[in-house]
Amino acid sequence: MIGLSENAAQKVLELIDNRPNPTTGLRVGVRGGGCSGFTYFLEFAEAPNKGDRELESHGVPLFVDPKSYLYLMGTEVDYVDNLGQSGFKFTNPNARRTCGCGESFSV
């Protein structure tokens, strides 16, 4: 399962409410790149793409492509807002190495 913390879900729902375009949910995935091999991404989505896994976490629909799903199984996305950091943070049990920024990883 891939999920959002309660803080992350609240932030995503707040951001969706403030968007001018219709938004059904959140696309969660990985792309090749970054200093460790893969980078995480979050995007607003109007609808799932063909083949996406459709999940739900704290009232937020999540769409995950099949390749990303393999790398993200068990991942929790949190939202932190403090003096040292503000933004979404991925906790991925599959990551063997991460970079200092926390936005890229390798398996």
C-alpha atoms as a PDB file:
ATOM      1  CA  MET A   1       0.000   0.000   0.000  1.00  0.00           C
ATOM      2  CA  ILE A   2       1.054   3.571  -0.653  1.00  0.00           C
ATOM      3  CA  GLY A   3      -0.442   6.184   1.608  1.00  0.00           C
ATOM      4  CA  LEU A   4      -0.490   9.712   2.905  1.00  0.00           C
ATOM      5  CA  SER A   5      -0.159  10.743   6.520  1.00  0.00           C
ATOM      6  CA  GLU A   6      -3.086  12.722   7.922  1.00  0.00           C
ATOM      7  CA  ASN A   7      -1.007  15.924   7.624  1.00  0.00           C
ATOM      8  CA  ALA A   8      -0.189  15.222   3.984  1.00  0.00           C
ATOM      9  CA  ALA A   9      -3.810  14.382   3.148  1.00  0.00           C
ATOM     10  CA  GLN A  10      -5.034  17.615   4.755  1.00  0.00           C
ATOM     11  CA  LYS A  11      -2.459  19.635   2.788  1.00  0.00           C
ATOM     12  CA  VAL A  12      -3.333  17.921  -0.511  1.00  0.00           C
ATOM     13  CA  LEU A  13      -7.078  18.488   0.025  1.00  0.00           C
ATOM     14  CA  GLU A  14      -6.379  22.152   0.848  1.00  0.00           C
ATOM     15  CA  LEU A  15      -4.307  22.532  -2.336  1.00  0.00           C
ATOM     16  CA  ILE A  16      -6.978  20.779  -4.441  1.00  0.00           C
ATOM     17  CA  ASP A  17      -9.674  23.101  -3.054  1.00  0.00           C
ATOM     18  CA  ASN A  18      -7.601  26.137  -4.131  1.00  0.00           C
ATOM     19  CA  ARG A  19      -6.920  24.912  -7.675  1.00  0.00           C
ATOM     20  CA  PRO A  20      -8.762  26.620 -10.548  1.00  0.00           C
ATOM     21  CA  ASN A  21      -8.722  23.428 -12.661  1.00  0.00           C
ATOM     22  CA  PRO A  22     -10.823  20.356 -11.880  1.00  0.00           C
ATOM     23  CA  THR A  23      -8.726  17.883  -9.912  1.00  0.00           C
ATOM     24  CA  THR A  24      -9.804  14.368  -9.027  1.00  0.00           C
ATOM     25  CA  GLY A  25      -6.747  13.200  -7.128  1.00  0.00           C
ATOM     26  CA  LEU A  26      -3.007  13.001  -6.781  1.00  0.00           C
ATOM     27  CA  ARG A  27      -0.570  11.167  -9.040  1.00  0.00           C
ATOM     28  CA  VAL A  28       2.315   9.656  -7.061  1.00  0.00           C
ATOM     29  CA  GLY A  29       5.308   8.195  -8.847  1.00  0.00           C
ATOM     30  CA  VAL A  30       8.997   7.892  -9.555  1.00  0.00           C
ATOM     31  CA  ARG A  31      11.127   8.939 -12.516  1.00  0.00           C
ATOM     32  CA  GLY A  32      14.663   8.085 -13.466  1.00  0.00           C
ATOM     33  CA  GLY A  33      17.150  10.740 -12.434  1.00  0.00           C
ATOM     34  CA  GLY A  34      18.459  12.522  -9.401  1.00  0.00           C
ATOM     35  CA  CYS A  35      21.754  11.889  -7.697  1.00  0.00           C
ATOM     36  CA  SER A  36      20.687   8.443  -6.429  1.00  0.00           C
ATOM     37  CA  GLY A  37      18.914   7.019  -9.503  1.00  0.00           C
ATOM     38  CA  PHE A  38      15.198   7.770  -9.045  1.00  0.00           C
ATOM     39  CA  THR A  39      13.247  10.864  -8.028  1.00  0.00           C
ATOM     40  CA  TYR A  40       9.816  11.057  -6.459  1.00  0.00           C
ATOM     41  CA  PHE A  41       7.055  13.182  -7.920  1.00  0.00           C
ATOM     42  CA  LEU A  42       3.573  14.331  -6.984  1.00  0.00           C
ATOM     43  CA  GLU A  43       1.170  15.816  -9.538  1.00  0.00           C
ATOM     44  CA  PHE A  44      -2.458  16.823  -9.489  1.00  0.00           C
ATOM     45  CA  ALA A  45      -4.558  14.600 -11.743  1.00  0.00           C
ATOM     46  CA  GLU A  46      -7.917  15.072 -13.401  1.00  0.00           C
ATOM     47  CA  ALA A  47      -8.332  11.308 -13.871  1.00  0.00           C
ATOM     48  CA  PRO A  48      -6.311   8.103 -13.661  1.00  0.00           C
ATOM     49  CA  ASN A  49      -4.284   7.021 -16.677  1.00  0.00           C
ATOM     50  CA  LYS A  50      -4.921   3.658 -18.272  1.00  0.00           C
ATOM     51  CA  GLY A  51      -3.218   0.979 -16.174  1.00  0.00           C
ATOM     52  CA  ASP A  52      -2.885   3.127 -13.036  1.00  0.00           C
ATOM     53  CA  ARG A  53      -3.451   1.599  -9.627  1.00  0.00           C
ATOM     54  CA  GLU A  54      -6.205   3.577  -7.948  1.00  0.00           C
ATOM     55  CA  LEU A  55      -5.793   3.911  -4.198  1.00  0.00           C
ATOM     56  CA  GLU A  56      -7.299   6.116  -1.513  1.00  0.00           C
ATOM     57  CA  SER A  57      -5.670   7.548   1.587  1.00  0.00           C
ATOM     58  CA  HIS A  58      -7.476   9.725   4.150  1.00  0.00           C
ATOM     59  CA  GLY A  59     -10.018  10.776   1.513  1.00  0.00           C
ATOM     60  CA  VAL A  60      -7.475  11.559  -1.215  1.00  0.00           C
ATOM     61  CA  PRO A  61      -7.606   9.485  -4.417  1.00  0.00           C
ATOM     62  CA  LEU A  62      -4.096   8.377  -5.439  1.00  0.00           C
ATOM     63  CA  PHE A  63      -3.096   7.257  -8.937  1.00  0.00           C
ATOM     64  CA  VAL A  64       0.110   5.248  -9.355  1.00  0.00           C
ATOM     65  CA  ASP A  65       1.511   3.834 -12.602  1.00  0.00           C
ATOM     66  CA  PRO A  66       2.533   0.125 -12.489  1.00  0.00           C
ATOM     67  CA  LYS A  67       6.314   0.761 -12.578  1.00  0.00           C
ATOM     68  CA  SER A  68       6.196   3.336  -9.801  1.00  0.00           C
ATOM     69  CA  TYR A  69       3.969   1.070  -7.720  1.00  0.00           C
ATOM     70  CA  LEU A  70       6.753  -1.539  -7.544  1.00  0.00           C
ATOM     71  CA  TYR A  71       9.209   1.020  -6.148  1.00  0.00           C
ATOM     72  CA  LEU A  72       6.722   2.708  -3.821  1.00  0.00           C
ATOM     73  CA  MET A  73       4.981  -0.237  -2.128  1.00  0.00           C
ATOM     74  CA  GLY A  74       4.856   0.496   1.595  1.00  0.00           C
ATOM     75  CA  THR A  75       5.735   4.181   1.166  1.00  0.00           C
ATOM     76  CA  GLU A  76       4.148   6.886   3.290  1.00  0.00           C
ATOM     77  CA  VAL A  77       4.103  10.487   2.134  1.00  0.00           C
ATOM     78  CA  ASP A  78       4.085  12.999   4.982  1.00  0.00           C
ATOM     79  CA  TYR A  79       3.847  16.779   5.012  1.00  0.00           C
ATOM     80  CA  VAL A  80       6.226  18.627   7.308  1.00  0.00           C
ATOM     81  CA  ASP A  81       6.278  22.343   8.023  1.00  0.00           C
ATOM     82  CA  ASN A  82       8.947  23.496  10.438  1.00  0.00           C
ATOM     83  CA  LEU A  83      11.985  25.775  10.537  1.00  0.00           C
ATOM     84  CA  GLY A  84      14.323  23.299   8.873  1.00  0.00           C
ATOM     85  CA  GLN A  85      12.033  21.935   6.191  1.00  0.00           C
ATOM     86  CA  SER A  86       8.673  22.486   4.588  1.00  0.00           C
ATOM     87  CA  GLY A  87       7.106  20.148   2.059  1.00  0.00           C
ATOM     88  CA  PHE A  88       6.217  16.572   1.285  1.00  0.00           C
ATOM     89  CA  LYS A  89       8.523  13.869   2.628  1.00  0.00           C
ATOM     90  CA  PHE A  90       8.628  10.278   1.361  1.00  0.00           C
ATOM     91  CA  THR A  91       9.371   7.419   3.755  1.00  0.00           C
ATOM     92  CA  ASN A  92      10.116   4.488   1.457  1.00  0.00           C
ATOM     93  CA  PRO A  93      11.063   1.116   2.987  1.00  0.00           C
ATOM     94  CA  ASN A  94      12.383  -0.031  -0.422  1.00  0.00           C
ATOM     95  CA  ALA A  95      15.013   2.717  -0.684  1.00  0.00           C
ATOM     96  CA  ARG A  96      18.515   1.380  -0.030  1.00  0.00           C
ATOM     97  CA  ARG A  97      20.214   4.735  -0.448  1.00  0.00           C
ATOM     98  CA  THR A  98      18.888   8.294  -0.462  1.00  0.00           C
ATOM     99  CA  CYS A  99      20.491  11.626  -1.214  1.00  0.00           C
ATOM    100  CA  GLY A 100      20.789  14.478   1.241  1.00  0.00           C
ATOM    101  CA  CYS A 101      17.767  16.332  -0.161  1.00  0.00           C
ATOM    102  CA  GLY A 102      15.501  13.299   0.320  1.00  0.00           C
ATOM    103  CA  GLU A 103      14.088  13.619  -3.192  1.00  0.00           C
ATOM    104  CA  SER A 104      16.033  10.823  -4.863  1.00  0.00           C
ATOM    105  CA  PHE A 105      16.768   7.226  -3.967  1.00  0.00           C
ATOM    106  CA  SER A 106      18.100   3.914  -5.238  1.00  0.00           C
ATOM    107  CA  VAL A 107      16.861   0.365  -4.695  1.00  0.00           C
END
